[in-house]
Amino acid sequence: MDAAKKPLTGKRVVVTRATEQAHELAHSLEALGAEVLLLPTVSFAAVEDSRALDSALQGLSGFDWILFTSRNAVRFFCRRIGDLGLDVAALQAPRPLVAAVGTATATAATGEGFRVDTVPKNHSGEALAKELWGAIGDRKILLPRSDRADDRLPNALRAAGAKVTEIVAYRTSGPVSLDPKVLKSIRDAEVDAIVFASPSAFRFLSECVGAAELAALSNRVQFAAIGPTTARALREDGARVDIEANESSAAGLADSIAKFYQRRTSAARHA
């Protein structure tokens, strides 16, 4: 693509994803012409006590469904399967069925050897609960997730009649430190957009910058969210969300950011 035709040429975009997950998004944005500043505001780790997770894995055949809401849930769930010397294909035959929120999560689960049976059209846990409403009544569902996940999805599943077992599959924590130069650029609104791929990424940055200051900044800098769950979390904390990905993936998020600026440029030309 000609540099002059790249829709994000001249834009400075801050990516707050965890270090090990930021590069795919950064490359997608750079391919569209953006200058990317990496500021990991979140990190992930295995649980310190895996007894509950191990028990669920060893009794997996007793569940009707596994619901994966993120690639991290898949990653740490399957890492523990490997640690225990278990086989994914054998664990899933013929049940449990697997549902994944978003194509990126589904791809991760398939890559680990799971058969993915359902991916909701709308990329959120609540959308998944609605789409499975008639199929999960009185069914046993395993929900592996972060230690910081909220109650919306399990509550929606229980409202549909499901018997939900929530398991902490991984821990979410904030950064040890943040790059002071990137932080200064954010505070001074010297960036065009800040990208958030999870509610935790936003909230840890909020703790560092200050909730009121970060919310006010969203009126000067475009905040971009990877999906409806993240967008809602930002809005609930008082921030403005200008960009929400149509597809919960790195490529989908980069594309949504590019289209936002293309629309803005087109509107300015016709003003």
Protein backbone atom coordinates (compact mmCIF):
# COMPACT_ATOMS: atom_id res chain seq x y z
CA MET A 1 0.00 0.00 0.00
CA ASP A 2 1.31 3.42 -1.01
CA ALA A 3 2.32 5.40 2.10
CA ALA A 4 0.23 8.34 0.91
CA LYS A 5 -2.85 6.11 0.73
CA LYS A 6 -2.45 4.49 4.14
CA PRO A 7 -5.39 5.70 6.25
CA LEU A 8 -3.41 5.96 9.51
CA THR A 9 -0.41 7.84 8.13
CA GLY A 10 0.53 10.56 10.61
CA LYS A 11 -1.49 9.03 13.45
CA ARG A 12 0.09 8.09 16.77
CA VAL A 13 -1.69 5.15 18.36
CA VAL A 14 -1.05 3.79 21.87
CA VAL A 15 -1.52 0.02 22.31
CA THR A 16 -2.12 -1.05 25.90
CA ARG A 17 -2.20 -4.82 25.35
CA ALA A 18 0.05 -7.17 27.32
CA THR A 19 3.54 -7.40 25.84
CA GLU A 20 3.13 -10.94 24.50
CA GLN A 21 -0.13 -10.02 22.75
CA ALA A 22 0.63 -6.52 21.45
CA HIS A 23 2.69 -7.31 18.38
CA GLU A 24 -0.09 -8.59 16.12
CA LEU A 25 -2.12 -5.44 16.69
CA ALA A 26 0.94 -3.21 16.39
CA HIS A 27 1.88 -4.76 13.05
CA SER A 28 -1.70 -4.36 11.77
CA LEU A 29 -1.71 -0.68 12.72
CA GLU A 30 1.76 -0.03 11.30
CA ALA A 31 0.73 -1.66 8.02
CA LEU A 32 -2.00 1.00 7.83
CA GLY A 33 0.55 3.79 8.39
CA ALA A 34 0.28 4.41 12.14
CA GLU A 35 3.13 5.20 14.51
CA VAL A 36 2.56 2.75 17.36
CA LEU A 37 3.53 3.40 20.98
CA LEU A 38 3.50 0.31 23.19
CA LEU A 39 2.30 0.81 26.76
CA PRO A 40 1.41 -2.57 28.31
CA THR A 41 -0.99 -1.77 31.14
CA VAL A 42 -1.95 -5.36 31.90
CA SER A 43 -0.24 -8.72 32.31
CA PHE A 44 -1.43 -12.30 32.71
CA ALA A 45 -0.16 -15.27 34.70
CA ALA A 46 -1.17 -18.78 35.70
CA VAL A 47 -3.14 -19.26 38.92
CA GLU A 48 -1.05 -19.84 42.03
CA ASP A 49 -3.33 -22.62 43.29
CA SER A 50 -4.55 -24.84 40.43
CA ARG A 51 -6.49 -27.41 42.46
CA ALA A 52 -9.95 -26.18 41.41
CA LEU A 53 -8.86 -25.91 37.78
CA ASP A 54 -7.27 -29.35 37.85
CA SER A 55 -10.41 -30.88 39.33
CA ALA A 56 -12.54 -29.34 36.57
CA LEU A 57 -10.18 -30.58 33.87
CA GLN A 58 -10.13 -34.11 35.21
CA GLY A 59 -13.92 -34.12 35.37
CA LEU A 60 -14.47 -32.38 32.04
CA SER A 61 -16.69 -35.14 30.65
CA GLY A 62 -19.26 -34.23 33.31
CA PHE A 63 -19.91 -30.84 31.68
CA ASP A 64 -22.23 -30.18 28.77
CA TRP A 65 -20.50 -26.98 27.64
CA ILE A 66 -17.22 -25.08 28.02
CA LEU A 67 -17.52 -21.35 27.34
CA PHE A 68 -14.33 -19.53 26.37
CA THR A 69 -14.60 -15.75 26.50
CA SER A 70 -11.02 -14.84 25.52
CA ARG A 71 -7.81 -16.16 24.03
CA ASN A 72 -6.24 -15.92 27.48
CA ALA A 73 -8.87 -18.28 28.88
CA VAL A 74 -8.04 -20.75 26.11
CA ARG A 75 -4.28 -20.30 26.54
CA PHE A 76 -4.10 -20.91 30.28
CA PHE A 77 -6.79 -23.59 30.28
CA CYS A 78 -4.90 -25.56 27.63
CA ARG A 79 -1.53 -24.91 29.23
CA ARG A 80 -2.80 -26.65 32.35
CA ILE A 81 -4.17 -29.52 30.27
CA GLY A 82 -0.64 -29.98 28.93
CA ASP A 83 0.89 -29.75 32.40
CA LEU A 84 -1.38 -32.57 33.53
CA GLY A 85 -0.50 -34.71 30.53
CA LEU A 86 -4.10 -34.77 29.30
CA ASP A 87 -5.29 -34.84 25.68
CA VAL A 88 -7.71 -32.20 24.40
CA ALA A 89 -9.40 -34.41 21.82
CA ALA A 90 -9.97 -37.18 24.35
CA LEU A 91 -11.32 -34.70 26.90
CA GLN A 92 -13.94 -33.39 24.46
CA ALA A 93 -15.19 -36.67 22.98
CA PRO A 94 -18.15 -36.52 22.58
CA ARG A 95 -18.83 -33.75 25.09
CA PRO A 96 -18.54 -31.05 26.29
CA LEU A 97 -19.57 -28.76 23.46
CA VAL A 98 -17.47 -25.60 23.13
CA ALA A 99 -18.63 -22.02 22.61
CA ALA A 100 -16.20 -19.15 22.03
CA VAL A 101 -16.74 -15.40 22.14
CA GLY A 102 -15.25 -13.92 18.98
CA THR A 103 -13.41 -15.40 16.04
CA ALA A 104 -9.99 -14.85 17.62
CA THR A 105 -11.01 -16.89 20.66
CA ALA A 106 -12.52 -19.58 18.43
CA THR A 107 -9.33 -19.74 16.36
CA ALA A 108 -7.24 -20.09 19.52
CA ALA A 109 -9.44 -22.92 20.80
CA THR A 110 -9.35 -24.72 17.44
CA GLY A 111 -5.58 -24.32 17.35
CA GLU A 112 -5.35 -26.09 20.70
CA GLY A 113 -7.37 -29.03 19.36
CA PHE A 114 -10.87 -28.16 20.54
CA ARG A 115 -13.88 -28.52 18.28
CA VAL A 116 -15.71 -25.18 18.49
CA ASP A 117 -19.45 -25.65 18.15
CA THR A 118 -20.75 -22.09 18.59
CA VAL A 119 -19.47 -18.55 18.03
CA PRO A 120 -22.00 -15.77 18.76
CA LYS A 121 -22.78 -13.27 16.02
CA ASN A 122 -22.26 -10.42 18.47
CA HIS A 123 -18.92 -10.59 20.23
CA SER A 124 -19.88 -10.49 23.89
CA GLY A 125 -20.56 -12.97 26.65
CA GLU A 126 -24.12 -11.75 27.10
CA ALA A 127 -24.77 -12.24 23.38
CA LEU A 128 -23.48 -15.77 23.73
CA ALA A 129 -25.86 -16.43 26.63
CA LYS A 130 -28.80 -15.13 24.58
CA GLU A 131 -27.92 -17.22 21.53
CA LEU A 132 -27.54 -20.36 23.64
CA TRP A 133 -30.66 -19.61 25.68
CA GLY A 134 -32.65 -22.62 24.48
CA ALA A 135 -29.69 -24.99 24.53
CA ILE A 136 -28.31 -24.48 28.04
CA GLY A 137 -31.34 -24.89 30.31
CA ASP A 138 -30.43 -27.34 33.09
CA ARG A 139 -27.05 -27.94 31.40
CA LYS A 140 -23.72 -28.00 33.24
CA ILE A 141 -21.44 -25.26 31.98
CA LEU A 142 -17.76 -24.73 32.74
CA LEU A 143 -16.65 -21.10 32.57
CA PRO A 144 -12.86 -20.67 32.79
CA ARG A 145 -11.94 -17.01 33.20
CA SER A 146 -9.82 -14.32 34.80
CA ASP A 147 -9.75 -13.63 38.51
CA ARG A 148 -11.02 -10.12 37.64
CA ALA A 149 -13.99 -11.10 35.45
CA ASP A 150 -17.36 -9.66 36.45
CA ASP A 151 -20.64 -11.47 37.15
CA ARG A 152 -22.63 -10.48 34.06
CA LEU A 153 -22.05 -13.62 32.01
CA PRO A 154 -22.54 -16.23 34.75
CA ASN A 155 -25.66 -14.36 35.90
CA ALA A 156 -27.04 -14.37 32.34
CA LEU A 157 -26.29 -18.08 31.99
CA ARG A 158 -27.99 -18.89 35.29
CA ALA A 159 -30.99 -16.80 34.24
CA ALA A 160 -31.25 -19.14 31.23
CA GLY A 161 -31.36 -22.12 33.59
CA ALA A 162 -27.74 -23.25 33.27
CA LYS A 163 -25.74 -24.80 36.11
CA VAL A 164 -22.55 -22.77 35.97
CA THR A 165 -19.16 -23.68 37.42
CA GLU A 166 -16.81 -20.68 37.36
CA ILE A 167 -13.11 -21.52 37.43
CA VAL A 168 -10.24 -19.04 37.68
CA ALA A 169 -7.94 -20.13 34.86
CA TYR A 170 -5.52 -17.20 35.02
CA ARG A 171 -4.63 -14.06 36.93
CA THR A 172 -4.79 -10.51 35.59
CA SER A 173 -2.52 -7.87 37.08
CA GLY A 174 -1.27 -4.38 36.39
CA PRO A 175 2.16 -3.33 35.11
CA VAL A 176 5.24 -3.14 37.29
CA SER A 177 5.99 0.20 35.65
CA LEU A 178 4.90 2.30 32.68
CA ASP A 179 7.07 4.09 30.14
CA PRO A 180 7.16 7.72 31.42
CA LYS A 181 7.65 9.14 27.91
CA VAL A 182 4.54 7.42 26.58
CA LEU A 183 2.60 8.43 29.68
CA LYS A 184 3.60 12.07 29.16
CA SER A 185 2.50 11.89 25.53
CA ILE A 186 -0.88 10.56 26.68
CA ARG A 187 -1.34 13.18 29.39
CA ASP A 188 -0.41 15.97 26.97
CA ALA A 189 -2.81 14.56 24.33
CA GLU A 190 0.08 14.17 21.91
CA VAL A 191 -1.37 10.90 20.62
CA ASP A 192 -4.38 10.39 18.37
CA ALA A 193 -5.83 7.18 19.79
CA ILE A 194 -5.47 4.77 22.71
CA VAL A 195 -6.45 1.16 22.15
CA PHE A 196 -7.95 -1.05 24.86
CA ALA A 197 -8.42 -4.79 24.40
CA SER A 198 -9.92 -5.48 27.83
CA PRO A 199 -11.61 -3.63 30.69
CA SER A 200 -8.59 -4.43 32.87
CA ALA A 201 -6.21 -2.65 30.49
CA PHE A 202 -8.27 0.52 30.85
CA ARG A 203 -8.72 0.27 34.61
CA PHE A 204 -5.03 -0.30 35.32
CA LEU A 205 -4.17 2.75 33.21
CA SER A 206 -6.88 4.66 35.07
CA GLU A 207 -5.20 3.75 38.37
CA CYS A 208 -1.90 5.14 37.07
CA VAL A 209 -3.19 8.30 35.41
CA GLY A 210 -6.22 9.01 37.56
CA ALA A 211 -9.82 8.16 36.73
CA ALA A 212 -11.00 11.74 36.23
CA GLU A 213 -7.98 12.70 34.13
CA LEU A 214 -8.31 9.65 31.89
CA ALA A 215 -12.05 10.16 31.40
CA ALA A 216 -11.44 13.82 30.48
CA LEU A 217 -8.69 12.79 28.09
CA SER A 218 -11.19 10.74 26.09
CA ASN A 219 -12.67 14.04 24.86
CA ARG A 220 -9.33 14.98 23.28
CA VAL A 221 -8.00 11.57 22.21
CA GLN A 222 -9.94 8.79 20.49
CA PHE A 223 -10.44 5.74 22.71
CA ALA A 224 -10.79 2.47 20.81
CA ALA A 225 -12.26 -0.72 22.27
CA ILE A 226 -11.89 -4.24 20.91
CA GLY A 227 -15.52 -5.15 21.54
CA PRO A 228 -18.78 -4.31 23.32
CA THR A 229 -17.71 -5.62 26.74
CA THR A 230 -14.61 -3.41 26.81
CA ALA A 231 -16.49 -0.43 25.35
CA ARG A 232 -19.17 -0.70 28.02
CA ALA A 233 -16.58 -0.86 30.80
CA LEU A 234 -14.95 2.35 29.53
CA ARG A 235 -18.28 4.15 29.33
CA GLU A 236 -19.28 2.98 32.80
CA ASP A 237 -16.10 4.61 34.10
CA GLY A 238 -17.00 7.90 32.43
CA ALA A 239 -14.86 7.66 29.29
CA ARG A 240 -15.98 8.42 25.76
CA VAL A 241 -15.51 5.61 23.22
CA ASP A 242 -15.23 6.80 19.61
CA ILE A 243 -14.16 3.50 18.06
CA GLU A 244 -15.51 0.02 18.69
CA ALA A 245 -14.27 -2.92 16.63
CA ASN A 246 -16.80 -4.73 14.48
CA GLU A 247 -14.76 -7.90 14.94
CA SER A 248 -12.98 -8.75 18.19
CA SER A 249 -9.54 -9.35 16.73
CA ALA A 250 -6.34 -7.40 16.11
CA ALA A 251 -7.12 -7.04 12.41
CA GLY A 252 -10.73 -6.09 13.11
CA LEU A 253 -9.70 -3.45 15.64
CA ALA A 254 -7.06 -1.96 13.34
CA ASP A 255 -9.58 -1.86 10.50
CA SER A 256 -12.18 -0.09 12.65
CA ILE A 257 -9.62 2.54 13.69
CA ALA A 258 -8.64 3.10 10.06
CA LYS A 259 -12.27 3.44 8.95
CA PHE A 260 -12.96 5.95 11.73
CA TYR A 261 -10.22 8.27 10.47
CA GLN A 262 -11.20 7.72 6.83
CA ARG A 263 -14.76 8.83 7.67
CA ARG A 264 -13.44 11.84 9.56
CA THR A 265 -11.21 12.86 6.64
CA SER A 266 -14.07 12.43 4.18
CA ALA A 267 -16.41 14.51 6.36
CA ALA A 268 -13.81 17.30 6.63
CA ARG A 269 -13.44 17.40 2.84
CA HIS A 270 -17.17 17.77 2.35
CA ALA A 271 -17.68 20.29 5.13
